[in-house]
Every structure is written in C-alpha cells, then in structure tokens.
C-alpha atoms as a PDB file:
ATOM      1  CA  UNK A   1      30.239 203.877 110.879  1.00  0.00           C
ATOM      2  CA  UNK A   2      29.829 200.466 109.836  1.00  0.00           C
ATOM      3  CA  UNK A   3      30.138 196.837 111.833  1.00  0.00           C
ATOM      4  CA  UNK A   4      33.725 195.528 111.360  1.00  0.00           C
ATOM      5  CA  UNK A   5      33.935 192.332 109.499  1.00  0.00           C
ATOM      6  CA  UNK A   6      34.345 189.249 111.306  1.00  0.00           C
ATOM      7  CA  UNK A   7      37.780 187.504 110.315  1.00  0.00           C
ATOM      8  CA  UNK A   8      37.526 184.393 109.303  1.00  0.00           C
ATOM      9  CA  UNK A   9      39.115 181.517 111.842  1.00  0.00           C
ATOM     10  CA  UNK A  10      42.602 180.039 110.533  1.00  0.00           C
ATOM     11  CA  UNK A  11      42.823 176.280 110.749  1.00  0.00           C
ATOM     12  CA  UNK A  12      45.366 176.369 113.497  1.00  0.00           C
ATOM     13  CA  UNK A  13      42.870 177.889 115.779  1.00  0.00           C
ATOM     14  CA  UNK A  14      40.313 175.341 114.816  1.00  0.00           C
ATOM     15  CA  UNK A  15      42.965 172.791 115.498  1.00  0.00           C
ATOM     16  CA  UNK A  16      44.094 174.227 119.135  1.00  0.00           C
ATOM     17  CA  UNK A  17      40.247 174.489 120.201  1.00  0.00           C
ATOM     18  CA  UNK A  18      39.560 171.397 118.923  1.00  0.00           C
ATOM     19  CA  UNK A  19      42.483 169.785 120.905  1.00  0.00           C
ATOM     20  CA  UNK A  20      41.283 171.831 124.028  1.00  0.00           C
ATOM     21  CA  UNK A  21      38.262 169.886 123.596  1.00  0.00           C
ATOM     22  CA  UNK A  22      39.327 166.546 123.108  1.00  0.00           C
ATOM     23  CA  UNK A  23      41.865 166.544 126.176  1.00  0.00           C
ATOM     24  CA  UNK A  24      38.879 167.752 128.336  1.00  0.00           C
ATOM     25  CA  UNK A  25      36.828 164.870 126.765  1.00  0.00           C
ATOM     26  CA  UNK A  26      39.546 162.529 127.735  1.00  0.00           C
ATOM     27  CA  UNK A  27      40.026 163.822 131.486  1.00  0.00           C
ATOM     28  CA  UNK A  28      36.655 163.630 132.023  1.00  0.00           C
ATOM     29  CA  UNK A  29      36.402 160.081 130.969  1.00  0.00           C
ATOM     30  CA  UNK A  30      39.689 159.055 132.964  1.00  0.00           C
ATOM     31  CA  UNK A  31      37.999 160.554 135.943  1.00  0.00           C
ATOM     32  CA  UNK A  32      34.679 158.650 135.693  1.00  0.00           C
ATOM     33  CA  UNK A  33      36.677 155.670 134.982  1.00  0.00           C
ATOM     34  CA  UNK A  34      38.705 156.180 138.001  1.00  0.00           C
ATOM     35  CA  UNK A  35      35.339 156.412 139.943  1.00  0.00           C
ATOM     36  CA  UNK A  36      33.964 153.231 138.616  1.00  0.00           C
ATOM     37  CA  UNK A  37      37.155 151.298 139.541  1.00  0.00           C
ATOM     38  CA  UNK A  38      36.962 152.683 142.753  1.00  0.00           C
ATOM     39  CA  UNK A  39      33.440 151.645 143.307  1.00  0.00           C
ATOM     40  CA  UNK A  40      33.863 148.067 141.987  1.00  0.00           C
ATOM     41  CA  UNK A  41      36.948 147.770 144.425  1.00  0.00           C
ATOM     42  CA  UNK A  42      34.665 148.727 147.266  1.00  0.00           C
ATOM     43  CA  UNK A  43      32.179 146.189 146.441  1.00  0.00           C
ATOM     44  CA  UNK A  44      34.728 143.537 146.051  1.00  0.00           C
ATOM     45  CA  UNK A  45      36.206 144.479 149.533  1.00  0.00           C
ATOM     46  CA  UNK A  46      32.639 144.027 151.053  1.00  0.00           C
ATOM     47  CA  UNK A  47      32.030 141.232 149.247  1.00  0.00           C
ATOM     48  CA  UNK A  48      35.333 139.470 150.474  1.00  0.00           C
ATOM     49  CA  UNK A  49      34.717 140.941 154.190  1.00  0.00           C
ATOM     50  CA  UNK A  50      31.168 139.234 154.163  1.00  0.00           C
ATOM     51  CA  UNK A  51      32.449 136.008 152.882  1.00  0.00           C
ATOM     52  CA  UNK A  52      35.414 135.885 155.531  1.00  0.00           C
ATOM     53  CA  UNK A  53      33.209 137.081 158.254  1.00  0.00           C
ATOM     54  CA  UNK A  54      30.952 133.804 158.288  1.00  0.00           C
ATOM     55  CA  UNK A  55      27.779 135.489 158.778  1.00  0.00           C
ATOM     56  CA  UNK A  56      25.141 133.843 156.439  1.00  0.00           C
ATOM     57  CA  UNK A  57      22.637 135.948 154.453  1.00  0.00           C
ATOM     58  CA  UNK A  58      19.314 136.030 155.829  1.00  0.00           C
ATOM     59  CA  UNK A  59      18.116 133.732 158.898  1.00  0.00           C
ATOM     60  CA  UNK A  60      20.140 130.695 157.782  1.00  0.00           C
ATOM     61  CA  UNK A  61      22.249 128.586 160.112  1.00  0.00           C
ATOM     62  CA  UNK A  62      26.000 127.620 159.450  1.00  0.00           C
ATOM     63  CA  UNK A  63      27.280 124.842 161.096  1.00  0.00           C
ATOM     64  CA  UNK A  64      31.392 123.859 160.937  1.00  0.00           C
ATOM     65  CA  UNK A  65      32.578 120.158 161.902  1.00  0.00           C
ATOM     66  CA  UNK A  66      36.051 119.615 162.199  1.00  0.00           C
ATOM     67  CA  UNK A  67      37.659 116.400 162.475  1.00  0.00           C
ATOM     68  CA  UNK A  68      40.714 115.186 163.969  1.00  0.00           C
END
C-alpha cells in the first residue's frame, strides 16, 4: 500500500493561519506595551514621591526659610 498524497493547502486555510499568527503577535505586543507603560508610571510615581518628600539624595542638607 502506498502512502497517501499530501493535499495542497487552500489559500483560505493559509490566510486563516496567518490571521491567527497576526492576532497572537498583536496581543503579545499589546501586553508588553502595557507592562512598559505600567513600569513608566511606577517610576514617575516614585520620582514624584521622592520630590514631595523633601529628602535630598545623598548627604546634602536642605534649608528652607519663609519670610512673613
């Protein structure tokens, strides 16, 4: 008994598989972009918190005077 011949793929099947790969790729890029955006927001929040805290970096001294 001989092996069955391989049937050629139809163009519709090829397009369907390509569309699935494209959707998966877009989803991965979207998830990575979300993680990058979240990381950037956390860095900005930490920076704003450090600025609002008033504690200088290192051993520097901060003196604030207010005139009335």
